[in-house]
Amino acid sequence: MVIQKVTPEIAKSFGLKETEGALVSDVADQSPADKAGIKSGDVITSFNGKPIKEMDQLPRLVGSTEIGSKG
């Protein structure tokens, strides 16, 4: 999965009020993200109940999550 920052321009084009979260720009076929139903164009605003204010928070939260957990 490839993510990018939600810029003011992106937020406006998606109709978002804030620039928070992580925009999914690509999802590899058969990856865990694909199997979870994440699609290109999704904006992830929380993970395991924790808010994602900045894009760079998401990889750290995912990386610190126990393998196999269902959150």
Protein backbone atom coordinates (compact mmCIF):
# COMPACT_ATOMS: atom_id res chain seq x y z
CA MET A 1 0.00 0.00 0.00
CA VAL A 2 1.27 3.44 -0.91
CA ILE A 3 0.04 6.44 1.08
CA GLN A 4 0.50 10.16 0.74
CA LYS A 5 -0.16 13.32 2.70
CA VAL A 6 -3.60 14.91 2.52
CA THR A 7 -2.77 18.38 1.24
CA PRO A 8 -5.24 21.27 1.32
CA GLU A 9 -5.83 20.75 -2.42
CA ILE A 10 -6.50 17.03 -1.98
CA ALA A 11 -8.80 17.68 0.98
CA LYS A 12 -10.77 20.17 -1.08
CA SER A 13 -11.06 17.81 -4.05
CA PHE A 14 -12.33 15.02 -1.77
CA GLY A 15 -14.73 17.35 0.04
CA LEU A 16 -12.86 16.97 3.33
CA LYS A 17 -12.90 19.72 5.96
CA GLU A 18 -9.43 18.89 7.32
CA THR A 19 -6.05 17.79 5.95
CA GLU A 20 -5.84 14.94 8.46
CA GLY A 21 -5.29 11.31 7.62
CA ALA A 22 -3.40 9.36 4.99
CA LEU A 23 -4.54 9.14 1.38
CA VAL A 24 -4.16 5.68 -0.15
CA SER A 25 -2.71 6.15 -3.61
CA ASP A 26 -2.05 2.49 -4.49
CA VAL A 27 -2.88 -0.96 -3.14
CA ALA A 28 -1.06 -4.08 -4.35
CA ASP A 29 -3.25 -6.99 -5.45
CA GLN A 30 -3.59 -9.71 -2.81
CA SER A 31 -1.78 -7.59 -0.19
CA PRO A 32 -3.12 -7.43 3.38
CA ALA A 33 -4.54 -3.98 2.59
CA ASP A 34 -6.31 -5.36 -0.50
CA LYS A 35 -7.70 -8.28 1.48
CA ALA A 36 -8.96 -5.82 4.11
CA GLY A 37 -10.89 -3.94 1.42
CA ILE A 38 -8.72 -0.82 1.30
CA LYS A 39 -8.92 0.88 -2.09
CA SER A 40 -6.96 3.56 -3.89
CA GLY A 41 -8.55 6.90 -3.02
CA ASP A 42 -9.48 5.93 0.54
CA VAL A 43 -8.46 8.36 3.27
CA ILE A 44 -7.48 6.58 6.49
CA THR A 45 -8.31 8.78 9.48
CA SER A 46 -7.82 6.24 12.29
CA PHE A 47 -6.15 2.90 12.92
CA ASN A 48 -7.04 0.60 15.81
CA GLY A 49 -9.04 3.44 17.32
CA LYS A 50 -6.14 5.88 17.19
CA PRO A 51 -6.60 9.04 15.09
CA ILE A 52 -4.28 9.67 12.17
CA LYS A 53 -3.54 13.40 12.15
CA GLU A 54 -0.50 13.18 9.85
CA MET A 55 0.25 10.63 7.14
CA ASP A 56 3.54 9.55 8.74
CA GLN A 57 1.74 8.28 11.85
CA LEU A 58 0.08 5.41 9.97
CA PRO A 59 3.19 3.34 9.13
CA ARG A 60 4.39 3.59 12.74
CA LEU A 61 1.04 2.45 14.12
CA VAL A 62 0.82 -0.42 11.64
CA GLY A 63 4.42 -1.44 12.38
CA SER A 64 3.81 -1.54 16.12
CA THR A 65 0.69 -3.70 15.79
CA GLU A 66 0.97 -7.37 16.68
CA ILE A 67 0.83 -9.67 13.65
CA GLY A 68 -2.57 -11.31 13.29
CA SER A 69 -4.42 -8.83 15.50
CA LYS A 70 -7.87 -7.80 14.29
CA GLY A 71 -8.13 -4.36 16.02
